[in-house]
Amino acid sequence: MMKFLVMMIFLIPMCFMNNMFWMVQMMLFTLMFLFMSLGMSLNLFCNLSYMMSCDIMSYGLILLSMWISILMIMASENLYKLNFHLSFFLFNIIFLLIMLFLTFSVMNMFMFYLFFEGSLIPTLLLIIGWGYQPERIQAGMYLLFYTLFFSLPLLMGIFYIFNEVHIMMMYFLKFFNMNMYMLYFSMIMAFLVKMPMYFVHLWLPKAHVEAPVSGSMILAGIMLKLGGYGLLRLMIFLQEINLKLNYLSIIVSLIGGFYISLKCFCQVDIKSLIAYSSVAHMSIVISGIMIMNYWGFIGSYVLMIGHGLCSSGMFCLANINYERLHSRSLYINKGMMNFMPSMSLWWFLLLSSNMAAPPSLNLLGEISLINSLMSWSWFSMLMLMLISFFSAGYSLYLYSFVQHGKYHSGVYSYYTGVSREYLMLILHWLPLNILVLKIDYSMIWF
């Protein structure tokens, strides 16, 4: 694991050299393929190096981080054309990737907290530095204060655990059982905000709408998964107390997911709609993790990977339209099928994956999660039916609104998609639908 970290650190000087924009991306591709060829044991921590290791859960999320980082560079060609603080932008992405890599690979709980919070800084810089509207400052503040306010209790909780059991390694904490109310809430709230759970989700739509395309991609693709990863790791030693209190999170998530699905139909901003759909998807993931059964854990893991690719691809599509029309409004982005018929296919493919159509990973994750929630309580069926139905509803609403209808009269000069954009969308869609063939890797890691 250390060798990948060293390679990423040595990529930093390359960011500040002239004409190295695509070279950095190629080096990240190389890094990712090297990481893919790593020997993995399915159910053990392996590839141990200094304080770092990798099990199948970390492995999938690190791969996703690298993949999304590569695609972020590919999506940001506009910055390359304008030469808009390019070196610092690349440095930001590499720094963020290092933080994410370390978050997913360290075994020490305190180090995990450190890098978990550290990944906030480059994200904030992306939003404030390369965002579009003046409101990005407010969005950055929302992101910062929501996350930091709830992460201080997490730090206190980690210190308390160390004081009690004198150990910080996540792997060994499974031998302990912490049955304390205050500890439980202080530990999980930081992750529920990051997911985000309904009631603490307000920072997400703001951050997404104001972020540049790269910021939206990393937020949707990886940052929401940090919360899920933290919960999956923590539930090991909070089992007993979680079984007493999990109904709170599950009820809030399911009812909130349904309400957010309805709210998607009220959106007139494409990015805002996609951001709210992320909250609806993550609500089912939170419920699956909180139930703590086998189906729930694997379902949440698979849906996190699937949603990362799918949501990121949809933000790319929204940005492709934004670069042409300079508007994110659904009323102006109409009748795109007349102008970009090929792009219409990609809208269809990614939105069909978003509504969990086969053969996407989203379908597999949702089936597992529905299984687990049904085993917990029959009453959850009602909310699950509504969430699944409206998930298809707002995806169709977005597709039909953007692709069909009479196009806006202000559209006079236009060009259809370029090969870079199609490649970017293929690289989102292919893993999302091809990984289903090797799903046994993520289904037998317990």
Protein backbone atom coordinates (compact mmCIF):
# COMPACT_ATOMS: atom_id res chain seq x y z
CA MET A 1 0.00 0.00 0.00
CA MET A 2 2.89 2.32 0.74
CA LYS A 3 4.17 2.19 -2.84
CA PHE A 4 0.91 3.63 -4.18
CA LEU A 5 1.05 6.45 -1.65
CA VAL A 6 4.64 7.26 -2.66
CA MET A 7 3.65 7.28 -6.34
CA MET A 8 0.83 9.74 -5.64
CA ILE A 9 3.13 12.00 -3.61
CA PHE A 10 5.64 12.01 -6.48
CA LEU A 11 2.87 13.07 -8.85
CA ILE A 12 2.60 16.42 -7.01
CA PRO A 13 5.70 18.05 -8.64
CA MET A 14 4.36 16.98 -12.04
CA CYS A 15 1.25 19.12 -11.45
CA PHE A 16 3.40 22.26 -11.50
CA MET A 17 5.27 21.47 -14.73
CA ASN A 18 4.20 22.94 -18.05
CA ASN A 19 1.86 20.99 -20.36
CA MET A 20 1.48 18.10 -17.95
CA PHE A 21 -2.33 18.16 -17.65
CA TRP A 22 -3.02 14.96 -19.58
CA MET A 23 0.23 13.36 -18.39
CA VAL A 24 -0.98 13.52 -14.77
CA GLN A 25 -4.17 11.79 -15.88
CA MET A 26 -2.20 9.06 -17.69
CA MET A 27 -0.07 8.49 -14.59
CA LEU A 28 -3.24 8.12 -12.51
CA PHE A 29 -4.48 5.54 -15.03
CA THR A 30 -1.20 3.65 -14.57
CA LEU A 31 -1.52 3.88 -10.79
CA MET A 32 -5.06 2.54 -10.96
CA PHE A 33 -4.15 -0.45 -13.12
CA LEU A 34 -1.25 -1.25 -10.80
CA PHE A 35 -3.67 -1.14 -7.87
CA MET A 36 -6.15 -3.35 -9.73
CA SER A 37 -3.52 -6.03 -10.16
CA LEU A 38 -2.98 -6.19 -6.40
CA GLY A 39 -3.41 -9.66 -4.92
CA MET A 40 -6.55 -9.55 -2.77
CA SER A 41 -7.78 -11.97 -0.17
CA LEU A 42 -11.55 -11.67 -0.02
CA ASN A 43 -12.18 -11.86 3.70
CA LEU A 44 -8.93 -10.76 5.35
CA PHE A 45 -6.92 -7.60 5.77
CA CYS A 46 -4.02 -8.01 3.37
CA ASN A 47 -1.25 -5.97 1.69
CA LEU A 48 -0.14 -4.80 5.12
CA SER A 49 2.37 -1.99 5.25
CA TYR A 50 3.11 0.79 7.71
CA MET A 51 -0.24 1.36 9.48
CA MET A 52 -2.09 0.62 6.25
CA SER A 53 -3.89 -2.37 4.89
CA CYS A 54 -6.63 -3.32 2.52
CA ASP A 55 -9.65 -5.57 2.70
CA ILE A 56 -12.28 -5.92 -0.02
CA MET A 57 -14.28 -2.95 1.28
CA SER A 58 -11.30 -0.58 1.20
CA TYR A 59 -10.17 -2.05 -2.11
CA GLY A 60 -13.41 -1.23 -3.95
CA LEU A 61 -13.62 2.30 -2.55
CA ILE A 62 -9.96 3.11 -3.26
CA LEU A 63 -10.42 1.91 -6.85
CA LEU A 64 -13.51 4.09 -7.13
CA SER A 65 -11.58 7.10 -5.77
CA MET A 66 -8.83 6.66 -8.33
CA TRP A 67 -11.30 6.14 -11.16
CA ILE A 68 -13.35 9.24 -10.29
CA SER A 69 -10.17 11.34 -9.94
CA ILE A 70 -9.10 10.33 -13.46
CA LEU A 71 -12.53 11.22 -14.82
CA MET A 72 -12.52 14.54 -12.92
CA ILE A 73 -9.44 15.61 -14.87
CA MET A 74 -11.07 14.43 -18.10
CA ALA A 75 -14.25 16.40 -17.36
CA SER A 76 -12.37 19.62 -16.59
CA GLU A 77 -10.96 20.30 -20.03
CA ASN A 78 -12.57 23.74 -19.93
CA LEU A 79 -10.07 24.77 -17.24
CA TYR A 80 -7.27 23.50 -19.48
CA LYS A 81 -8.50 25.63 -22.40
CA LEU A 82 -8.78 28.75 -20.25
CA ASN A 83 -5.60 27.87 -18.30
CA PHE A 84 -7.51 28.75 -15.14
CA HIS A 85 -5.13 28.02 -12.22
CA LEU A 86 -4.40 24.65 -13.75
CA SER A 87 -1.44 23.61 -11.62
CA PHE A 88 -3.24 24.29 -8.37
CA PHE A 89 -6.30 22.44 -9.67
CA LEU A 90 -4.25 19.32 -10.42
CA PHE A 91 -2.48 19.60 -7.07
CA ASN A 92 -5.87 19.80 -5.39
CA ILE A 93 -7.08 16.63 -7.08
CA ILE A 94 -3.91 14.68 -6.24
CA PHE A 95 -4.01 15.91 -2.64
CA LEU A 96 -7.66 14.89 -2.36
CA LEU A 97 -6.87 11.47 -3.80
CA ILE A 98 -4.05 11.00 -1.28
CA MET A 99 -6.43 11.91 1.57
CA LEU A 100 -9.09 9.48 0.31
CA PHE A 101 -6.56 6.71 -0.26
CA LEU A 102 -5.30 7.11 3.30
CA THR A 103 -8.84 7.33 4.75
CA PHE A 104 -9.81 4.02 3.19
CA SER A 105 -6.55 2.22 3.92
CA VAL A 106 -5.42 3.20 7.43
CA MET A 107 -6.34 0.80 10.23
CA ASN A 108 -5.84 3.21 13.10
CA MET A 109 -9.03 4.92 14.16
CA PHE A 110 -7.47 8.27 14.96
CA MET A 111 -5.60 8.37 11.65
CA PHE A 112 -8.87 7.53 9.93
CA TYR A 113 -10.50 10.54 11.61
CA LEU A 114 -7.59 12.76 10.59
CA PHE A 115 -7.77 11.89 6.89
CA PHE A 116 -11.58 11.74 6.95
CA GLU A 117 -11.60 15.40 7.96
CA GLY A 118 -8.57 16.23 5.81
CA SER A 119 -10.46 15.33 2.65
CA LEU A 120 -12.81 18.22 3.43
CA ILE A 121 -10.16 20.87 2.73
CA PRO A 122 -9.44 20.14 -0.96
CA THR A 123 -13.19 19.72 -1.59
CA LEU A 124 -13.82 23.12 -0.04
CA LEU A 125 -11.06 24.65 -2.18
CA LEU A 126 -12.60 23.09 -5.30
CA ILE A 127 -16.01 24.58 -4.54
CA ILE A 128 -14.76 28.04 -3.53
CA GLY A 129 -11.98 28.26 -6.11
CA TRP A 130 -13.58 26.88 -9.25
CA GLY A 131 -17.34 27.22 -8.56
CA TYR A 132 -19.54 29.35 -10.79
CA GLN A 133 -21.80 31.61 -8.69
CA PRO A 134 -20.97 34.00 -5.82
CA GLU A 135 -23.16 31.77 -3.57
CA ARG A 136 -20.34 29.21 -3.56
CA ILE A 137 -18.89 30.88 -0.45
CA GLN A 138 -22.14 30.20 1.42
CA ALA A 139 -22.21 26.62 0.10
CA GLY A 140 -18.63 26.13 1.30
CA MET A 141 -19.54 27.43 4.75
CA TYR A 142 -22.53 25.06 4.93
CA LEU A 143 -20.29 22.14 4.01
CA LEU A 144 -17.63 23.14 6.53
CA PHE A 145 -19.88 23.85 9.49
CA TYR A 146 -22.21 20.88 9.09
CA THR A 147 -19.27 18.51 8.85
CA LEU A 148 -17.08 20.06 11.55
CA PHE A 149 -19.89 20.57 14.05
CA PHE A 150 -20.68 16.86 14.08
CA SER A 151 -17.13 15.59 13.77
CA LEU A 152 -15.86 16.98 17.07
CA PRO A 153 -17.98 14.49 19.08
CA LEU A 154 -16.49 11.73 16.88
CA LEU A 155 -13.00 12.80 17.94
CA MET A 156 -14.06 12.80 21.60
CA GLY A 157 -15.57 9.33 21.13
CA ILE A 158 -12.34 7.99 19.62
CA PHE A 159 -10.32 9.38 22.57
CA TYR A 160 -12.80 7.83 24.99
CA ILE A 161 -12.48 4.41 23.33
CA PHE A 162 -8.70 4.63 23.47
CA ASN A 163 -8.89 5.56 27.14
CA GLU A 164 -11.14 2.57 27.86
CA VAL A 165 -9.60 -0.26 25.81
CA HIS A 166 -6.11 1.14 25.00
CA ILE A 167 -6.33 0.16 21.36
CA MET A 168 -7.03 2.07 18.17
CA MET A 169 -6.83 -0.59 15.46
CA MET A 170 -10.22 -1.09 13.82
CA TYR A 171 -9.54 -4.77 13.35
CA PHE A 172 -9.14 -5.44 17.08
CA LEU A 173 -12.10 -3.35 18.17
CA LYS A 174 -14.43 -6.16 17.10
CA PHE A 175 -13.52 -7.93 20.35
CA PHE A 176 -15.15 -5.13 22.39
CA ASN A 177 -18.74 -4.16 22.89
CA MET A 178 -19.51 -0.53 23.70
CA ASN A 179 -23.04 -0.29 25.06
CA MET A 180 -23.30 3.46 25.68
CA TYR A 181 -25.86 5.91 24.36
CA MET A 182 -23.71 9.05 24.28
CA LEU A 183 -20.80 7.21 22.67
CA TYR A 184 -23.12 5.76 20.02
CA PHE A 185 -24.56 9.13 18.97
CA SER A 186 -21.22 10.92 19.08
CA MET A 187 -19.63 8.23 16.88
CA ILE A 188 -22.28 7.87 14.19
CA MET A 189 -23.53 11.45 13.73
CA ALA A 190 -20.43 12.58 11.82
CA PHE A 191 -20.96 9.78 9.31
CA LEU A 192 -24.70 10.34 9.02
CA VAL A 193 -24.04 13.98 8.13
CA LYS A 194 -21.51 12.91 5.52
CA MET A 195 -23.91 10.38 3.95
CA PRO A 196 -26.14 12.59 4.32
CA MET A 197 -29.16 11.50 6.33
CA TYR A 198 -32.42 13.42 6.02
CA PHE A 199 -32.53 16.43 8.43
CA VAL A 200 -28.76 16.96 8.10
CA HIS A 201 -28.69 16.93 4.30
CA LEU A 202 -29.06 20.64 3.57
CA TRP A 203 -25.38 21.19 2.82
CA LEU A 204 -25.40 18.66 -0.03
CA PRO A 205 -27.69 20.29 -2.64
CA LYS A 206 -26.04 23.67 -1.99
CA ALA A 207 -22.52 22.26 -2.35
CA HIS A 208 -23.44 20.35 -5.52
CA VAL A 209 -25.13 23.25 -7.24
CA GLU A 210 -22.26 25.65 -6.60
CA ALA A 211 -19.40 23.20 -7.21
CA PRO A 212 -17.61 22.90 -10.57
CA VAL A 213 -18.10 19.59 -12.40
CA SER A 214 -15.02 18.05 -10.75
CA GLY A 215 -16.29 19.08 -7.30
CA SER A 216 -19.72 17.57 -7.96
CA MET A 217 -18.18 14.34 -9.23
CA ILE A 218 -15.97 13.83 -6.20
CA LEU A 219 -18.73 14.86 -3.80
CA ALA A 220 -21.26 12.44 -5.30
CA GLY A 221 -18.74 9.74 -6.15
CA ILE A 222 -16.61 9.51 -3.01
CA MET A 223 -17.44 11.97 -0.24
CA LEU A 224 -20.87 10.46 0.42
CA LYS A 225 -19.22 7.03 0.57
CA LEU A 226 -16.89 8.13 3.38
CA GLY A 227 -19.87 8.17 5.73
CA GLY A 228 -20.99 4.69 4.67
CA TYR A 229 -17.45 3.32 5.01
CA GLY A 230 -17.13 4.82 8.52
CA LEU A 231 -20.45 3.28 9.60
CA LEU A 232 -19.53 -0.14 8.19
CA ARG A 233 -16.28 -0.05 10.20
CA LEU A 234 -17.82 1.27 13.43
CA MET A 235 -20.83 -1.02 13.63
CA ILE A 236 -18.53 -3.87 14.66
CA PHE A 237 -18.15 -2.64 18.23
CA LEU A 238 -21.44 -0.73 18.56
CA GLN A 239 -23.62 -3.76 17.83
CA GLU A 240 -25.59 -4.06 21.04
CA ILE A 241 -26.51 -0.38 21.38
CA ASN A 242 -27.22 -0.15 17.65
CA LEU A 243 -29.78 -2.94 17.87
CA LYS A 244 -31.63 -0.88 20.49
CA LEU A 245 -31.54 2.41 18.62
CA ASN A 246 -31.30 1.62 14.93
CA TYR A 247 -35.05 2.02 14.37
CA LEU A 248 -34.58 5.81 14.78
CA SER A 249 -32.15 6.13 11.88
CA ILE A 250 -34.08 3.68 9.73
CA ILE A 251 -37.44 5.42 10.17
CA VAL A 252 -35.96 8.89 9.57
CA SER A 253 -34.06 7.62 6.51
CA LEU A 254 -36.96 5.82 4.90
CA ILE A 255 -39.54 8.57 5.41
CA GLY A 256 -36.92 11.20 4.50
CA GLY A 257 -35.98 9.23 1.36
CA PHE A 258 -39.60 9.21 0.26
CA TYR A 259 -40.00 12.92 0.95
CA ILE A 260 -36.78 13.78 -0.90
CA SER A 261 -37.97 11.69 -3.87
CA LEU A 262 -41.09 13.87 -4.00
CA LYS A 263 -38.91 16.96 -3.69
CA CYS A 264 -36.98 15.88 -6.81
CA PHE A 265 -40.12 16.53 -8.86
CA CYS A 266 -40.15 20.17 -7.69
CA GLN A 267 -36.60 20.95 -8.85
CA VAL A 268 -35.97 23.20 -11.83
CA ASP A 269 -32.18 22.96 -11.64
CA ILE A 270 -30.66 19.82 -13.20
CA LYS A 271 -27.77 19.62 -10.71
CA SER A 272 -30.08 20.15 -7.79
CA LEU A 273 -32.32 17.30 -8.96
CA ILE A 274 -29.37 14.91 -9.27
CA ALA A 275 -28.10 15.99 -5.82
CA TYR A 276 -31.48 15.32 -4.18
CA SER A 277 -31.66 11.93 -5.91
CA SER A 278 -28.31 11.10 -4.23
CA VAL A 279 -29.87 11.83 -0.82
CA ALA A 280 -32.78 9.50 -1.64
CA HIS A 281 -30.39 6.68 -2.63
CA MET A 282 -28.19 7.15 0.41
CA SER A 283 -31.22 6.94 2.71
CA ILE A 284 -31.66 3.27 1.73
CA VAL A 285 -27.92 2.67 2.21
CA ILE A 286 -28.08 4.09 5.78
CA SER A 287 -31.04 1.83 6.56
CA GLY A 288 -29.19 -1.23 5.20
CA ILE A 289 -26.10 -0.54 7.32
CA MET A 290 -28.13 0.14 10.47
CA ILE A 291 -29.99 -3.18 10.26
CA MET A 292 -26.61 -4.96 10.49
CA ASN A 293 -27.45 -8.13 8.65
CA TYR A 294 -25.51 -9.74 5.83
CA TRP A 295 -27.79 -8.59 2.99
CA GLY A 296 -27.81 -5.03 4.34
CA PHE A 297 -24.01 -4.77 4.52
CA ILE A 298 -23.27 -6.15 1.06
CA GLY A 299 -26.22 -4.28 -0.44
CA SER A 300 -25.05 -0.96 0.97
CA TYR A 301 -21.49 -1.60 -0.24
CA VAL A 302 -22.59 -2.50 -3.78
CA LEU A 303 -25.03 0.41 -3.99
CA MET A 304 -22.34 2.82 -2.79
CA ILE A 305 -20.02 1.74 -5.62
CA GLY A 306 -22.87 1.78 -8.16
CA HIS A 307 -24.17 5.16 -7.05
CA GLY A 308 -20.65 6.64 -7.14
CA LEU A 309 -20.26 5.82 -10.83
CA CYS A 310 -23.84 6.60 -11.82
CA SER A 311 -24.20 9.92 -10.00
CA SER A 312 -20.80 11.12 -11.18
CA GLY A 313 -21.76 10.30 -14.78
CA MET A 314 -25.00 12.26 -14.45
CA PHE A 315 -23.14 15.33 -13.17
CA CYS A 316 -20.86 15.02 -16.22
CA LEU A 317 -23.91 15.04 -18.47
CA ALA A 318 -25.35 18.07 -16.66
CA ASN A 319 -22.02 19.84 -17.14
CA ILE A 320 -21.89 18.97 -20.86
CA ASN A 321 -25.23 20.75 -21.25
CA TYR A 322 -24.08 23.61 -19.03
CA GLU A 323 -20.98 24.20 -21.17
CA ARG A 324 -23.22 24.59 -24.25
CA LEU A 325 -26.14 26.58 -22.85
CA HIS A 326 -24.58 28.25 -19.79
CA SER A 327 -27.68 27.37 -17.82
CA ARG A 328 -28.71 24.52 -15.54
CA SER A 329 -32.42 25.33 -15.74
CA LEU A 330 -34.70 22.55 -16.94
CA TYR A 331 -36.76 25.11 -18.84
CA ILE A 332 -33.80 26.15 -20.98
CA ASN A 333 -32.26 22.66 -21.33
CA LYS A 334 -35.19 21.39 -23.39
CA GLY A 335 -35.35 19.51 -26.67
CA MET A 336 -31.70 18.46 -26.54
CA MET A 337 -32.50 15.44 -28.71
CA ASN A 338 -32.67 17.84 -31.69
CA PHE A 339 -29.13 19.05 -31.08
CA MET A 340 -27.29 16.15 -29.50
CA PRO A 341 -28.99 12.89 -30.50
CA SER A 342 -25.95 10.76 -29.49
CA MET A 343 -25.80 12.40 -26.07
CA SER A 344 -29.46 11.52 -25.68
CA LEU A 345 -28.45 7.84 -25.57
CA TRP A 346 -26.05 8.51 -22.69
CA TRP A 347 -28.70 10.42 -20.78
CA PHE A 348 -30.94 7.41 -21.21
CA LEU A 349 -28.28 4.85 -20.19
CA LEU A 350 -27.16 6.68 -17.06
CA LEU A 351 -30.65 7.64 -15.95
CA SER A 352 -31.83 4.05 -16.44
CA SER A 353 -28.95 2.93 -14.18
CA ASN A 354 -30.02 5.60 -11.69
CA MET A 355 -33.49 4.07 -11.50
CA ALA A 356 -31.84 0.68 -10.83
CA ALA A 357 -32.50 -0.98 -14.17
CA PRO A 358 -30.59 -4.18 -14.96
CA PRO A 359 -27.72 -4.89 -15.45
CA SER A 360 -26.43 -2.04 -13.27
CA LEU A 361 -24.82 -2.42 -9.85
CA ASN A 362 -27.61 -0.20 -8.48
CA LEU A 363 -30.16 -2.94 -9.15
CA LEU A 364 -28.11 -5.53 -7.30
CA GLY A 365 -27.55 -3.21 -4.34
CA GLU A 366 -31.22 -2.24 -4.15
CA ILE A 367 -32.39 -5.86 -4.30
CA SER A 368 -30.06 -6.75 -1.42
CA LEU A 369 -31.17 -3.73 0.60
CA ILE A 370 -34.86 -4.38 -0.02
CA ASN A 371 -34.25 -7.97 1.11
CA SER A 372 -32.58 -6.83 4.33
CA LEU A 373 -35.18 -4.16 5.13
CA MET A 374 -38.01 -6.60 4.56
CA SER A 375 -36.39 -9.09 6.92
CA TRP A 376 -36.26 -6.33 9.56
CA SER A 377 -39.89 -5.26 9.28
CA TRP A 378 -42.73 -5.79 6.85
CA PHE A 379 -43.84 -2.20 7.36
CA SER A 380 -40.74 -0.91 5.60
CA MET A 381 -42.19 -2.34 2.38
CA LEU A 382 -44.51 0.65 1.99
CA MET A 383 -41.72 3.23 2.02
CA LEU A 384 -39.44 1.05 -0.12
CA MET A 385 -42.15 0.71 -2.76
CA LEU A 386 -42.67 4.47 -2.83
CA ILE A 387 -38.94 5.27 -2.93
CA SER A 388 -38.31 2.77 -5.76
CA PHE A 389 -41.31 3.97 -7.75
CA PHE A 390 -40.50 7.67 -7.41
CA SER A 391 -36.83 6.96 -8.13
CA ALA A 392 -37.92 5.75 -11.57
CA GLY A 393 -40.37 8.68 -11.70
CA TYR A 394 -37.89 11.53 -11.26
CA SER A 395 -35.34 9.85 -13.55
CA LEU A 396 -37.97 9.72 -16.30
CA TYR A 397 -39.04 13.26 -15.48
CA LEU A 398 -35.47 14.52 -15.89
CA TYR A 399 -34.92 12.57 -19.11
CA SER A 400 -38.16 13.59 -20.79
CA PHE A 401 -37.79 17.22 -19.73
CA VAL A 402 -34.22 17.56 -21.00
CA GLN A 403 -34.49 15.51 -24.20
CA HIS A 404 -37.98 16.21 -25.51
CA GLY A 405 -40.10 19.28 -26.10
CA LYS A 406 -39.52 22.49 -28.03
CA TYR A 407 -35.97 23.73 -27.65
CA HIS A 408 -35.19 27.15 -26.24
CA SER A 409 -35.17 29.92 -28.85
CA GLY A 410 -31.97 31.39 -27.45
CA VAL A 411 -29.94 28.40 -28.68
CA TYR A 412 -28.33 29.54 -31.91
CA SER A 413 -24.73 28.32 -32.00
CA TYR A 414 -23.98 24.79 -30.96
CA TYR A 415 -21.71 21.81 -31.28
CA THR A 416 -22.56 18.22 -30.41
CA GLY A 417 -20.45 16.01 -28.16
CA VAL A 418 -16.72 15.54 -28.67
CA SER A 419 -14.87 12.23 -28.35
CA ARG A 420 -13.48 13.16 -24.90
CA GLU A 421 -17.01 13.52 -23.53
CA TYR A 422 -18.20 10.23 -24.99
CA LEU A 423 -15.12 8.47 -23.63
CA MET A 424 -15.77 9.99 -20.21
CA LEU A 425 -19.36 8.73 -20.21
CA ILE A 426 -18.36 5.28 -21.42
CA LEU A 427 -15.84 5.07 -18.57
CA HIS A 428 -18.65 5.82 -16.13
CA TRP A 429 -21.17 3.47 -17.65
CA LEU A 430 -19.04 0.41 -18.46
CA PRO A 431 -17.78 -0.40 -14.93
CA LEU A 432 -21.26 0.31 -13.58
CA ASN A 433 -22.78 -2.39 -15.79
CA ILE A 434 -19.88 -4.77 -16.39
CA LEU A 435 -18.91 -5.21 -12.71
CA VAL A 436 -22.15 -7.16 -12.26
CA LEU A 437 -20.40 -10.08 -13.98
CA LYS A 438 -17.80 -10.26 -11.19
CA ILE A 439 -20.15 -9.45 -8.35
CA ASP A 440 -19.09 -12.54 -6.39
CA TYR A 441 -16.11 -10.44 -5.21
CA SER A 442 -18.28 -8.00 -3.34
CA MET A 443 -20.85 -10.57 -2.24
CA ILE A 444 -18.62 -12.95 -0.26
CA TRP A 445 -16.38 -10.68 1.74
CA PHE A 446 -17.76 -11.47 5.16
